[in-house]
Amino acid sequence: MAQALAIMPGISRSGATVAAGMWQGVDAVRAAEFSFLMAIPAIAGAAVLQIPDLSTDLVSVGGGPLLVSFAAALISGIAAIRFLVALLERKAFHRFAPYCWVLGGVTIVWAVVR
């Protein structure tokens, strides 16, 4: 349920699933590990759906920029996971909430103005 609720603007999928796990009595770091494991099918599914567009993207954008984008996403993703796990280990997960509130508010304002 927590993962499904994360489709709303400003609701972090990982934050929601980690919080739900913690509410059920799961250790915070273990909840984070499970949360990121739950992301694998969604990410893999999205990747499979993008396969038909890959040849068009390679032609229009080029392999170099796509490779740089992949590397940037990989590095920033690993950094974000390490940051989140560090927050959990220090029992400072509550510091993640203001980020979600601000991002959600900005998204809602942008959607209304747009």
PDB file of N, CA and C in Angstrom:
ATOM      1  N   MET A   1       0.831  -1.198   0.000  1.00  0.00           N
ATOM      2  CA  MET A   1       0.000   0.000   0.000  1.00  0.00           C
ATOM      3  C   MET A   1       0.871   1.256   0.000  1.00  0.00           C
ATOM      4  N   ALA A   2       1.949   1.232   0.781  1.00  0.00           N
ATOM      5  CA  ALA A   2       2.813   2.410   0.856  1.00  0.00           C
ATOM      6  C   ALA A   2       3.422   2.728  -0.503  1.00  0.00           C
ATOM      7  N   GLN A   3       3.819   1.706  -1.221  1.00  0.00           N
ATOM      8  CA  GLN A   3       4.401   1.933  -2.543  1.00  0.00           C
ATOM      9  C   GLN A   3       3.356   2.493  -3.495  1.00  0.00           C
ATOM     10  N   ALA A   4       2.129   2.039  -3.397  1.00  0.00           N
ATOM     11  CA  ALA A   4       1.056   2.539  -4.261  1.00  0.00           C
ATOM     12  C   ALA A   4       0.737   3.995  -3.947  1.00  0.00           C
ATOM     13  N   LEU A   5       0.793   4.380  -2.680  1.00  0.00           N
ATOM     14  CA  LEU A   5       0.512   5.774  -2.305  1.00  0.00           C
ATOM     15  C   LEU A   5       1.590   6.734  -2.816  1.00  0.00           C
ATOM     16  N   ALA A   6       2.737   6.198  -3.119  1.00  0.00           N
ATOM     17  CA  ALA A   6       3.852   7.043  -3.538  1.00  0.00           C
ATOM     18  C   ALA A   6       3.694   7.603  -4.945  1.00  0.00           C
ATOM     19  N   ILE A   7       2.592   7.306  -5.632  1.00  0.00           N
ATOM     20  CA  ILE A   7       2.385   7.916  -6.947  1.00  0.00           C
ATOM     21  C   ILE A   7       1.927   9.365  -6.807  1.00  0.00           C
ATOM     22  N   MET A   8       1.558   9.757  -5.595  1.00  0.00           N
ATOM     23  CA  MET A   8       1.133  11.147  -5.358  1.00  0.00           C
ATOM     24  C   MET A   8       2.361  12.061  -5.359  1.00  0.00           C
ATOM     25  N   PRO A   9       2.215  13.299  -5.865  1.00  0.00           N
ATOM     26  CA  PRO A   9       3.357  14.224  -5.895  1.00  0.00           C
ATOM     27  C   PRO A   9       3.931  14.458  -4.498  1.00  0.00           C
ATOM     28  N   GLY A  10       5.246  14.410  -4.420  1.00  0.00           N
ATOM     29  CA  GLY A  10       5.937  14.705  -3.173  1.00  0.00           C
ATOM     30  C   GLY A  10       6.023  13.532  -2.222  1.00  0.00           C
ATOM     31  N   ILE A  11       5.440  12.400  -2.576  1.00  0.00           N
ATOM     32  CA  ILE A  11       5.520  11.224  -1.717  1.00  0.00           C
ATOM     33  C   ILE A  11       6.634  10.333  -2.260  1.00  0.00           C
ATOM     34  N   SER A  12       7.645  10.142  -1.467  1.00  0.00           N
ATOM     35  CA  SER A  12       8.779   9.323  -1.866  1.00  0.00           C
ATOM     36  C   SER A  12       8.415   7.847  -1.740  1.00  0.00           C
ATOM     37  N   ARG A  13       8.638   7.078  -2.799  1.00  0.00           N
ATOM     38  CA  ARG A  13       8.359   5.653  -2.754  1.00  0.00           C
ATOM     39  C   ARG A  13       9.207   4.978  -1.687  1.00  0.00           C
ATOM     40  N   SER A  14      10.479   5.277  -1.695  1.00  0.00           N
ATOM     41  CA  SER A  14      11.348   4.644  -0.704  1.00  0.00           C
ATOM     42  C   SER A  14      11.010   5.128   0.701  1.00  0.00           C
ATOM     43  N   GLY A  15      10.739   6.410   0.843  1.00  0.00           N
ATOM     44  CA  GLY A  15      10.379   6.932   2.163  1.00  0.00           C
ATOM     45  C   GLY A  15       9.101   6.312   2.688  1.00  0.00           C
ATOM     46  N   ALA A  16       8.113   6.168   1.824  1.00  0.00           N
ATOM     47  CA  ALA A  16       6.836   5.594   2.241  1.00  0.00           C
ATOM     48  C   ALA A  16       6.982   4.132   2.623  1.00  0.00           C
ATOM     49  N   THR A  17       7.742   3.368   1.834  1.00  0.00           N
ATOM     50  CA  THR A  17       7.872   1.944   2.136  1.00  0.00           C
ATOM     51  C   THR A  17       8.754   1.704   3.357  1.00  0.00           C
ATOM     52  N   VAL A  18       9.779   2.520   3.535  1.00  0.00           N
ATOM     53  CA  VAL A  18      10.614   2.392   4.735  1.00  0.00           C
ATOM     54  C   VAL A  18       9.793   2.738   5.978  1.00  0.00           C
ATOM     55  N   ALA A  19       9.044   3.826   5.909  1.00  0.00           N
ATOM     56  CA  ALA A  19       8.209   4.218   7.050  1.00  0.00           C
ATOM     57  C   ALA A  19       7.179   3.142   7.372  1.00  0.00           C
ATOM     58  N   ALA A  20       6.563   2.558   6.352  1.00  0.00           N
ATOM     59  CA  ALA A  20       5.575   1.498   6.583  1.00  0.00           C
ATOM     60  C   ALA A  20       6.237   0.289   7.246  1.00  0.00           C
ATOM     61  N   GLY A  21       7.418  -0.063   6.805  1.00  0.00           N
ATOM     62  CA  GLY A  21       8.137  -1.170   7.426  1.00  0.00           C
ATOM     63  C   GLY A  21       8.466  -0.883   8.881  1.00  0.00           C
ATOM     64  N   MET A  22       8.920   0.337   9.147  1.00  0.00           N
ATOM     65  CA  MET A  22       9.247   0.712  10.522  1.00  0.00           C
ATOM     66  C   MET A  22       7.995   0.692  11.400  1.00  0.00           C
ATOM     67  N   TRP A  23       6.863   1.119  10.868  1.00  0.00           N
ATOM     68  CA  TRP A  23       5.614   1.084  11.635  1.00  0.00           C
ATOM     69  C   TRP A  23       5.216  -0.351  11.974  1.00  0.00           C
ATOM     70  N   GLN A  24       5.662  -1.295  11.161  1.00  0.00           N
ATOM     71  CA  GLN A  24       5.363  -2.703  11.415  1.00  0.00           C
ATOM     72  C   GLN A  24       6.410  -3.360  12.315  1.00  0.00           C
ATOM     73  N   GLY A  25       7.374  -2.577  12.797  1.00  0.00           N
ATOM     74  CA  GLY A  25       8.375  -3.092  13.724  1.00  0.00           C
ATOM     75  C   GLY A  25       9.649  -3.608  13.083  1.00  0.00           C
ATOM     76  N   VAL A  26       9.819  -3.378  11.786  1.00  0.00           N
ATOM     77  CA  VAL A  26      11.030  -3.812  11.088  1.00  0.00           C
ATOM     78  C   VAL A  26      12.143  -2.804  11.380  1.00  0.00           C
ATOM     79  N   ASP A  27      13.359  -3.298  11.583  1.00  0.00           N
ATOM     80  CA  ASP A  27      14.520  -2.430  11.769  1.00  0.00           C
ATOM     81  C   ASP A  27      14.641  -1.487  10.567  1.00  0.00           C
ATOM     82  N   ALA A  28      15.010  -0.243  10.818  1.00  0.00           N
ATOM     83  CA  ALA A  28      15.019   0.781   9.771  1.00  0.00           C
ATOM     84  C   ALA A  28      15.924   0.421   8.602  1.00  0.00           C
ATOM     85  N   VAL A  29      17.119  -0.067   8.874  1.00  0.00           N
ATOM     86  CA  VAL A  29      18.042  -0.401   7.784  1.00  0.00           C
ATOM     87  C   VAL A  29      17.505  -1.595   6.993  1.00  0.00           C
ATOM     88  N   ARG A  30      16.928  -2.569   7.672  1.00  0.00           N
ATOM     89  CA  ARG A  30      16.329  -3.721   6.982  1.00  0.00           C
ATOM     90  C   ARG A  30      15.131  -3.280   6.142  1.00  0.00           C
ATOM     91  N   ALA A  31      14.344  -2.342   6.656  1.00  0.00           N
ATOM     92  CA  ALA A  31      13.205  -1.818   5.900  1.00  0.00           C
ATOM     93  C   ALA A  31      13.692  -1.121   4.632  1.00  0.00           C
ATOM     94  N   ALA A  32      14.806  -0.393   4.734  1.00  0.00           N
ATOM     95  CA  ALA A  32      15.371   0.279   3.560  1.00  0.00           C
ATOM     96  C   ALA A  32      15.854  -0.746   2.540  1.00  0.00           C
ATOM     97  N   GLU A  33      16.523  -1.796   3.005  1.00  0.00           N
ATOM     98  CA  GLU A  33      16.982  -2.839   2.087  1.00  0.00           C
ATOM     99  C   GLU A  33      15.798  -3.456   1.340  1.00  0.00           C
ATOM    100  N   PHE A  34      14.739  -3.762   2.077  1.00  0.00           N
ATOM    101  CA  PHE A  34      13.554  -4.342   1.448  1.00  0.00           C
ATOM    102  C   PHE A  34      12.908  -3.351   0.483  1.00  0.00           C
ATOM    103  N   SER A  35      12.873  -2.083   0.865  1.00  0.00           N
ATOM    104  CA  SER A  35      12.289  -1.053   0.015  1.00  0.00           C
ATOM    105  C   SER A  35      13.000  -0.988  -1.336  1.00  0.00           C
ATOM    106  N   PHE A  36      14.324  -1.027  -1.294  1.00  0.00           N
ATOM    107  CA  PHE A  36      15.068  -0.934  -2.548  1.00  0.00           C
ATOM    108  C   PHE A  36      14.980  -2.231  -3.347  1.00  0.00           C
ATOM    109  N   LEU A  37      14.821  -3.357  -2.676  1.00  0.00           N
ATOM    110  CA  LEU A  37      14.575  -4.605  -3.400  1.00  0.00           C
ATOM    111  C   LEU A  37      13.224  -4.554  -4.102  1.00  0.00           C
ATOM    112  N   MET A  38      12.224  -3.938  -3.455  1.00  0.00           N
ATOM    113  CA  MET A  38      10.901  -3.821  -4.078  1.00  0.00           C
ATOM    114  C   MET A  38      10.937  -2.923  -5.311  1.00  0.00           C
ATOM    115  N   ALA A  39      11.923  -2.064  -5.418  1.00  0.00           N
ATOM    116  CA  ALA A  39      12.020  -1.169  -6.569  1.00  0.00           C
ATOM    117  C   ALA A  39      12.506  -1.889  -7.818  1.00  0.00           C
ATOM    118  N   ILE A  40      13.198  -3.003  -7.649  1.00  0.00           N
ATOM    119  CA  ILE A  40      13.794  -3.687  -8.796  1.00  0.00           C
ATOM    120  C   ILE A  40      12.750  -4.087  -9.844  1.00  0.00           C
ATOM    121  N   PRO A  41      11.627  -4.711  -9.478  1.00  0.00           N
ATOM    122  CA  PRO A  41      10.645  -5.061 -10.517  1.00  0.00           C
ATOM    123  C   PRO A  41      10.074  -3.830 -11.234  1.00  0.00           C
ATOM    124  N   ALA A  42       9.840  -2.756 -10.503  1.00  0.00           N
ATOM    125  CA  ALA A  42       9.300  -1.550 -11.132  1.00  0.00           C
ATOM    126  C   ALA A  42      10.313  -0.942 -12.103  1.00  0.00           C
ATOM    127  N   ILE A  43      11.550  -0.869 -11.686  1.00  0.00           N
ATOM    128  CA  ILE A  43      12.594  -0.304 -12.554  1.00  0.00           C
ATOM    129  C   ILE A  43      12.827  -1.207 -13.763  1.00  0.00           C
ATOM    130  N   ALA A  44      12.867  -2.508 -13.533  1.00  0.00           N
ATOM    131  CA  ALA A  44      13.063  -3.450 -14.644  1.00  0.00           C
ATOM    132  C   ALA A  44      11.892  -3.375 -15.626  1.00  0.00           C
ATOM    133  N   GLY A  45      10.681  -3.278 -15.085  1.00  0.00           N
ATOM    134  CA  GLY A  45       9.506  -3.154 -15.957  1.00  0.00           C
ATOM    135  C   GLY A  45       9.542  -1.893 -16.798  1.00  0.00           C
ATOM    136  N   ALA A  46       9.933  -0.786 -16.179  1.00  0.00           N
ATOM    137  CA  ALA A  46      10.043   0.474 -16.922  1.00  0.00           C
ATOM    138  C   ALA A  46      11.125   0.367 -17.996  1.00  0.00           C
ATOM    139  N   ALA A  47      12.216  -0.309 -17.683  1.00  0.00           N
ATOM    140  CA  ALA A  47      13.295  -0.483 -18.662  1.00  0.00           C
ATOM    141  C   ALA A  47      12.822  -1.313 -19.851  1.00  0.00           C
ATOM    142  N   VAL A  48      12.077  -2.370 -19.567  1.00  0.00           N
ATOM    143  CA  VAL A  48      11.558  -3.219 -20.645  1.00  0.00           C
ATOM    144  C   VAL A  48      10.622  -2.420 -21.557  1.00  0.00           C
ATOM    145  N   LEU A  49       9.795  -1.569 -20.956  1.00  0.00           N
ATOM    146  CA  LEU A  49       8.878  -0.759 -21.756  1.00  0.00           C
ATOM    147  C   LEU A  49       9.615   0.270 -22.623  1.00  0.00           C
ATOM    148  N   GLN A  50      10.824   0.629 -22.226  1.00  0.00           N
ATOM    149  CA  GLN A  50      11.602   1.619 -22.983  1.00  0.00           C
ATOM    150  C   GLN A  50      12.421   0.987 -24.113  1.00  0.00           C
ATOM    151  N   ILE A  51      12.517  -0.321 -24.153  1.00  0.00           N
ATOM    152  CA  ILE A  51      13.339  -0.980 -25.175  1.00  0.00           C
ATOM    153  C   ILE A  51      12.943  -0.575 -26.596  1.00  0.00           C
ATOM    154  N   PRO A  52      11.641  -0.508 -26.949  1.00  0.00           N
ATOM    155  CA  PRO A  52      11.300  -0.112 -28.321  1.00  0.00           C
ATOM    156  C   PRO A  52      11.803   1.285 -28.708  1.00  0.00           C
ATOM    157  N   ASP A  53      11.952   2.171 -27.727  1.00  0.00           N
ATOM    158  CA  ASP A  53      12.405   3.533 -28.022  1.00  0.00           C
ATOM    159  C   ASP A  53      13.927   3.658 -28.060  1.00  0.00           C
ATOM    160  N   LEU A  54      14.633   2.617 -27.676  1.00  0.00           N
ATOM    161  CA  LEU A  54      16.085   2.702 -27.556  1.00  0.00           C
ATOM    162  C   LEU A  54      16.760   3.021 -28.880  1.00  0.00           C
ATOM    163  N   SER A  55      16.338   2.380 -29.962  1.00  0.00           N
ATOM    164  CA  SER A  55      16.992   2.643 -31.246  1.00  0.00           C
ATOM    165  C   SER A  55      16.750   4.073 -31.703  1.00  0.00           C
ATOM    166  N   THR A  56      15.547   4.592 -31.482  1.00  0.00           N
ATOM    167  CA  THR A  56      15.250   5.986 -31.834  1.00  0.00           C
ATOM    168  C   THR A  56      16.083   6.938 -30.983  1.00  0.00           C
ATOM    169  N   ASP A  57      16.200   6.636 -29.685  1.00  0.00           N
ATOM    170  CA  ASP A  57      16.981   7.487 -28.785  1.00  0.00           C
ATOM    171  C   ASP A  57      18.459   7.480 -29.153  1.00  0.00           C
ATOM    172  N   LEU A  58      18.972   6.310 -29.521  1.00  0.00           N
ATOM    173  CA  LEU A  58      20.384   6.226 -29.908  1.00  0.00           C
ATOM    174  C   LEU A  58      20.656   7.063 -31.144  1.00  0.00           C
ATOM    175  N   VAL A  59      19.714   7.069 -32.077  1.00  0.00           N
ATOM    176  CA  VAL A  59      19.902   7.843 -33.308  1.00  0.00           C
ATOM    177  C   VAL A  59      19.767   9.330 -33.031  1.00  0.00           C
ATOM    178  N   SER A  60      18.734   9.725 -32.278  1.00  0.00           N
ATOM    179  CA  SER A  60      18.477  11.154 -32.083  1.00  0.00           C
ATOM    180  C   SER A  60      19.390  11.788 -31.038  1.00  0.00           C
ATOM    181  N   VAL A  61      19.748  11.069 -30.001  1.00  0.00           N
ATOM    182  CA  VAL A  61      20.569  11.645 -28.932  1.00  0.00           C
ATOM    183  C   VAL A  61      22.021  11.229 -29.072  1.00  0.00           C
ATOM    184  N   GLY A  62      22.241   9.996 -29.391  1.00  0.00           N
ATOM    185  CA  GLY A  62      23.605   9.485 -29.499  1.00  0.00           C
ATOM    186  C   GLY A  62      23.962   8.625 -28.304  1.00  0.00           C
ATOM    187  N   GLY A  63      24.864   7.701 -28.521  1.00  0.00           N
ATOM    188  CA  GLY A  63      25.272   6.776 -27.475  1.00  0.00           C
ATOM    189  C   GLY A  63      26.033   7.438 -26.342  1.00  0.00           C
ATOM    190  N   GLY A  64      26.868   8.409 -26.670  1.00  0.00           N
ATOM    191  CA  GLY A  64      27.682   9.088 -25.651  1.00  0.00           C
ATOM    192  C   GLY A  64      26.832   9.773 -24.583  1.00  0.00           C
ATOM    193  N   PRO A  65      25.907  10.652 -24.999  1.00  0.00           N
ATOM    194  CA  PRO A  65      25.067  11.298 -23.999  1.00  0.00           C
ATOM    195  C   PRO A  65      24.214  10.315 -23.185  1.00  0.00           C
ATOM    196  N   LEU A  66      23.741   9.243 -23.832  1.00  0.00           N
ATOM    197  CA  LEU A  66      22.970   8.246 -23.091  1.00  0.00           C
ATOM    198  C   LEU A  66      23.847   7.537 -22.066  1.00  0.00           C
ATOM    199  N   LEU A  67      25.084   7.254 -22.414  1.00  0.00           N
ATOM    200  CA  LEU A  67      26.012   6.608 -21.484  1.00  0.00           C
ATOM    201  C   LEU A  67      26.349   7.530 -20.314  1.00  0.00           C
ATOM    202  N   VAL A  68      26.568   8.807 -20.606  1.00  0.00           N
ATOM    203  CA  VAL A  68      26.842   9.781 -19.541  1.00  0.00           C
ATOM    204  C   VAL A  68      25.623   9.907 -18.627  1.00  0.00           C
ATOM    205  N   SER A  69      24.437   9.940 -19.208  1.00  0.00           N
ATOM    206  CA  SER A  69      23.206  10.022 -18.408  1.00  0.00           C
ATOM    207  C   SER A  69      23.047   8.802 -17.513  1.00  0.00           C
ATOM    208  N   PHE A  70      23.336   7.620 -18.061  1.00  0.00           N
ATOM    209  CA  PHE A  70      23.269   6.385 -17.275  1.00  0.00           C
ATOM    210  C   PHE A  70      24.234   6.451 -16.102  1.00  0.00           C
ATOM    211  N   ALA A  71      25.462   6.874 -16.368  1.00  0.00           N
ATOM    212  CA  ALA A  71      26.471   6.956 -15.302  1.00  0.00           C
ATOM    213  C   ALA A  71      26.058   7.968 -14.229  1.00  0.00           C
ATOM    214  N   ALA A  72      25.529   9.112 -14.655  1.00  0.00           N
ATOM    215  CA  ALA A  72      25.090  10.129 -13.691  1.00  0.00           C
ATOM    216  C   ALA A  72      23.951   9.609 -12.827  1.00  0.00           C
ATOM    217  N   ALA A  73      23.005   8.898 -13.454  1.00  0.00           N
ATOM    218  CA  ALA A  73      21.891   8.332 -12.699  1.00  0.00           C
ATOM    219  C   ALA A  73      22.376   7.265 -11.726  1.00  0.00           C
ATOM    220  N   LEU A  74      23.312   6.433 -12.154  1.00  0.00           N
ATOM    221  CA  LEU A  74      23.847   5.384 -11.292  1.00  0.00           C
ATOM    222  C   LEU A  74      24.569   5.983 -10.083  1.00  0.00           C
ATOM    223  N   ILE A  75      25.433   6.948 -10.334  1.00  0.00           N
ATOM    224  CA  ILE A  75      26.208   7.555  -9.249  1.00  0.00           C
ATOM    225  C   ILE A  75      25.295   8.311  -8.276  1.00  0.00           C
ATOM    226  N   SER A  76      24.366   9.101  -8.798  1.00  0.00           N
ATOM    227  CA  SER A  76      23.474   9.851  -7.904  1.00  0.00           C
ATOM    228  C   SER A  76      22.529   8.919  -7.158  1.00  0.00           C
ATOM    229  N   GLY A  77      22.119   7.824  -7.784  1.00  0.00           N
ATOM    230  CA  GLY A  77      21.263   6.854  -7.107  1.00  0.00           C
ATOM    231  C   GLY A  77      21.973   6.173  -5.953  1.00  0.00           C
ATOM    232  N   ILE A  78      23.210   5.767  -6.177  1.00  0.00           N
ATOM    233  CA  ILE A  78      23.990   5.142  -5.104  1.00  0.00           C
ATOM    234  C   ILE A  78      24.227   6.131  -3.971  1.00  0.00           C
ATOM    235  N   ALA A  79      24.527   7.382  -4.312  1.00  0.00           N
ATOM    236  CA  ALA A  79      24.737   8.402  -3.280  1.00  0.00           C
ATOM    237  C   ALA A  79      23.460   8.636  -2.468  1.00  0.00           C
ATOM    238  N   ALA A  80      22.326   8.679  -3.145  1.00  0.00           N
ATOM    239  CA  ALA A  80      21.054   8.891  -2.444  1.00  0.00           C
ATOM    240  C   ALA A  80      20.736   7.731  -1.503  1.00  0.00           C
ATOM    241  N   ILE A  81      20.981   6.508  -1.946  1.00  0.00           N
ATOM    242  CA  ILE A  81      20.740   5.342  -1.101  1.00  0.00           C
ATOM    243  C   ILE A  81      21.653   5.376   0.122  1.00  0.00           C
ATOM    244  N   ARG A  82      22.917   5.692  -0.082  1.00  0.00           N
ATOM    245  CA  ARG A  82      23.852   5.771   1.054  1.00  0.00           C
ATOM    246  C   ARG A  82      23.420   6.855   2.034  1.00  0.00           C
ATOM    247  N   PHE A  83      22.964   7.985   1.509  1.00  0.00           N
ATOM    248  CA  PHE A  83      22.502   9.073   2.366  1.00  0.00           C
ATOM    249  C   PHE A  83      21.290   8.637   3.185  1.00  0.00           C
ATOM    250  N   LEU A  84      20.336   7.984   2.531  1.00  0.00           N
ATOM    251  CA  LEU A  84      19.141   7.529   3.229  1.00  0.00           C
ATOM    252  C   LEU A  84      19.487   6.508   4.310  1.00  0.00           C
ATOM    253  N   VAL A  85      20.352   5.550   3.994  1.00  0.00           N
ATOM    254  CA  VAL A  85      20.737   4.536   4.980  1.00  0.00           C
ATOM    255  C   VAL A  85      21.479   5.196   6.149  1.00  0.00           C
ATOM    256  N   ALA A  86      22.309   6.194   5.858  1.00  0.00           N
ATOM    257  CA  ALA A  86      23.006   6.905   6.942  1.00  0.00           C
ATOM    258  C   ALA A  86      22.005   7.619   7.851  1.00  0.00           C
ATOM    259  N   LEU A  87      20.971   8.222   7.268  1.00  0.00           N
ATOM    260  CA  LEU A  87      19.925   8.849   8.088  1.00  0.00           C
ATOM    261  C   LEU A  87      19.241   7.814   8.977  1.00  0.00           C
ATOM    262  N   LEU A  88      18.967   6.661   8.413  1.00  0.00           N
ATOM    263  CA  LEU A  88      18.305   5.599   9.177  1.00  0.00           C
ATOM    264  C   LEU A  88      19.190   5.086  10.305  1.00  0.00           C
ATOM    265  N   GLU A  89      20.467   4.912  10.028  1.00  0.00           N
ATOM    266  CA  GLU A  89      21.396   4.420  11.047  1.00  0.00           C
ATOM    267  C   GLU A  89      21.546   5.414  12.196  1.00  0.00           C
ATOM    268  N   ARG A  90      21.456   6.709  11.888  1.00  0.00           N
ATOM    269  CA  ARG A  90      21.573   7.750  12.930  1.00  0.00           C
ATOM    270  C   ARG A  90      20.240   8.087  13.578  1.00  0.00           C
ATOM    271  N   LYS A  91      19.199   7.334  13.205  1.00  0.00           N
ATOM    272  CA  LYS A  91      17.842   7.584  13.737  1.00  0.00           C
ATOM    273  C   LYS A  91      17.385   9.004  13.411  1.00  0.00           C
ATOM    274  N   ALA A  92      17.705   9.467  12.206  1.00  0.00           N
ATOM    275  CA  ALA A  92      17.362  10.823  11.777  1.00  0.00           C
ATOM    276  C   ALA A  92      16.471  10.815  10.543  1.00  0.00           C
ATOM    277  N   PHE A  93      15.674   9.761  10.395  1.00  0.00           N
ATOM    278  CA  PHE A  93      14.825   9.620   9.213  1.00  0.00           C
ATOM    279  C   PHE A  93      13.821  10.761   9.092  1.00  0.00           C
ATOM    280  N   HIS A  94      13.426  11.340  10.216  1.00  0.00           N
ATOM    281  CA  HIS A  94      12.450  12.436  10.200  1.00  0.00           C
ATOM    282  C   HIS A  94      12.947  13.641   9.410  1.00  0.00           C
ATOM    283  N   ARG A  95      14.243  13.748   9.206  1.00  0.00           N
ATOM    284  CA  ARG A  95      14.793  14.875   8.435  1.00  0.00           C
ATOM    285  C   ARG A  95      14.480  14.754   6.945  1.00  0.00           C
ATOM    286  N   PHE A  96      13.977  13.624   6.525  1.00  0.00           N
ATOM    287  CA  PHE A  96      13.620  13.387   5.131  1.00  0.00           C
ATOM    288  C   PHE A  96      12.271  14.009   4.786  1.00  0.00           C
ATOM    289  N   ALA A  97      11.402  14.180   5.775  1.00  0.00           N
ATOM    290  CA  ALA A  97      10.034  14.655   5.541  1.00  0.00           C
ATOM    291  C   ALA A  97       9.966  16.070   4.948  1.00  0.00           C
ATOM    292  N   PRO A  98      10.703  17.060   5.476  1.00  0.00           N
ATOM    293  CA  PRO A  98      10.591  18.404   4.886  1.00  0.00           C
ATOM    294  C   PRO A  98      10.913  18.446   3.396  1.00  0.00           C
ATOM    295  N   TYR A  99      11.864  17.627   2.962  1.00  0.00           N
ATOM    296  CA  TYR A  99      12.181  17.535   1.535  1.00  0.00           C
ATOM    297  C   TYR A  99      10.938  17.123   0.748  1.00  0.00           C
ATOM    298  N   CYS A 100      10.237  16.120   1.255  1.00  0.00           N
ATOM    299  CA  CYS A 100       9.031  15.632   0.575  1.00  0.00           C
ATOM    300  C   CYS A 100       7.942  16.700   0.561  1.00  0.00           C
ATOM    301  N   TRP A 101       7.773  17.404   1.671  1.00  0.00           N
ATOM    302  CA  TRP A 101       6.754  18.455   1.742  1.00  0.00           C
ATOM    303  C   TRP A 101       7.040  19.557   0.728  1.00  0.00           C
ATOM    304  N   VAL A 102       8.277  20.008   0.675  1.00  0.00           N
ATOM    305  CA  VAL A 102       8.646  21.088  -0.252  1.00  0.00           C
ATOM    306  C   VAL A 102       8.469  20.634  -1.694  1.00  0.00           C
ATOM    307  N   LEU A 103       8.977  19.458  -2.014  1.00  0.00           N
ATOM    308  CA  LEU A 103       8.859  18.960  -3.389  1.00  0.00           C
ATOM    309  C   LEU A 103       7.400  18.764  -3.782  1.00  0.00           C
ATOM    310  N   GLY A 104       6.601  18.224  -2.871  1.00  0.00           N
ATOM    311  CA  GLY A 104       5.173  18.045  -3.148  1.00  0.00           C
ATOM    312  C   GLY A 104       4.471  19.377  -3.359  1.00  0.00           C
ATOM    313  N   GLY A 105       4.773  20.363  -2.516  1.00  0.00           N
ATOM    314  CA  GLY A 105       4.168  21.692  -2.649  1.00  0.00           C
ATOM    315  C   GLY A 105       4.552  22.363  -3.955  1.00  0.00           C
ATOM    316  N   VAL A 106       5.828  22.286  -4.304  1.00  0.00           N
ATOM    317  CA  VAL A 106       6.293  22.882  -5.560  1.00  0.00           C
ATOM    318  C   VAL A 106       5.617  22.201  -6.750  1.00  0.00           C
ATOM    319  N   THR A 107       5.486  20.888  -6.695  1.00  0.00           N
ATOM    320  CA  THR A 107       4.842  20.148  -7.782  1.00  0.00           C
ATOM    321  C   THR A 107       3.380  20.548  -7.931  1.00  0.00           C
ATOM    322  N   ILE A 108       2.679  20.681  -6.819  1.00  0.00           N
ATOM    323  CA  ILE A 108       1.272  21.080  -6.870  1.00  0.00           C
ATOM    324  C   ILE A 108       1.126  22.495  -7.417  1.00  0.00           C
ATOM    325  N   VAL A 109       1.956  23.416  -6.950  1.00  0.00           N
ATOM    326  CA  VAL A 109       1.906  24.796  -7.450  1.00  0.00           C
ATOM    327  C   VAL A 109       2.209  24.824  -8.946  1.00  0.00           C
ATOM    328  N   TRP A 110       3.237  24.098  -9.349  1.00  0.00           N
ATOM    329  CA  TRP A 110       3.605  24.047 -10.768  1.00  0.00           C
ATOM    330  C   TRP A 110       2.460  23.496 -11.602  1.00  0.00           C
ATOM    331  N   ALA A 111       1.789  22.451 -11.117  1.00  0.00           N
ATOM    332  CA  ALA A 111       0.676  21.850 -11.854  1.00  0.00           C
ATOM    333  C   ALA A 111      -0.501  22.824 -11.972  1.00  0.00           C
ATOM    334  N   VAL A 112      -0.776  23.581 -10.918  1.00  0.00           N
ATOM    335  CA  VAL A 112      -1.882  24.530 -10.936  1.00  0.00           C
ATOM    336  C   VAL A 112      -1.565  25.702 -11.866  1.00  0.00           C
ATOM    337  N   VAL A 113      -0.357  26.227 -11.783  1.00  0.00           N
ATOM    338  CA  VAL A 113       0.040  27.376 -12.603  1.00  0.00           C
ATOM    339  C   VAL A 113       0.131  26.982 -14.069  1.00  0.00           C
ATOM    340  N   ARG A 114       0.588  25.815 -14.313  1.00  0.00           N
ATOM    341  CA  ARG A 114       0.777  25.329 -15.680  1.00  0.00           C
ATOM    342  C   ARG A 114      -0.556  25.186 -16.350  1.00  0.00           C
TER     343      ARG A 114
END
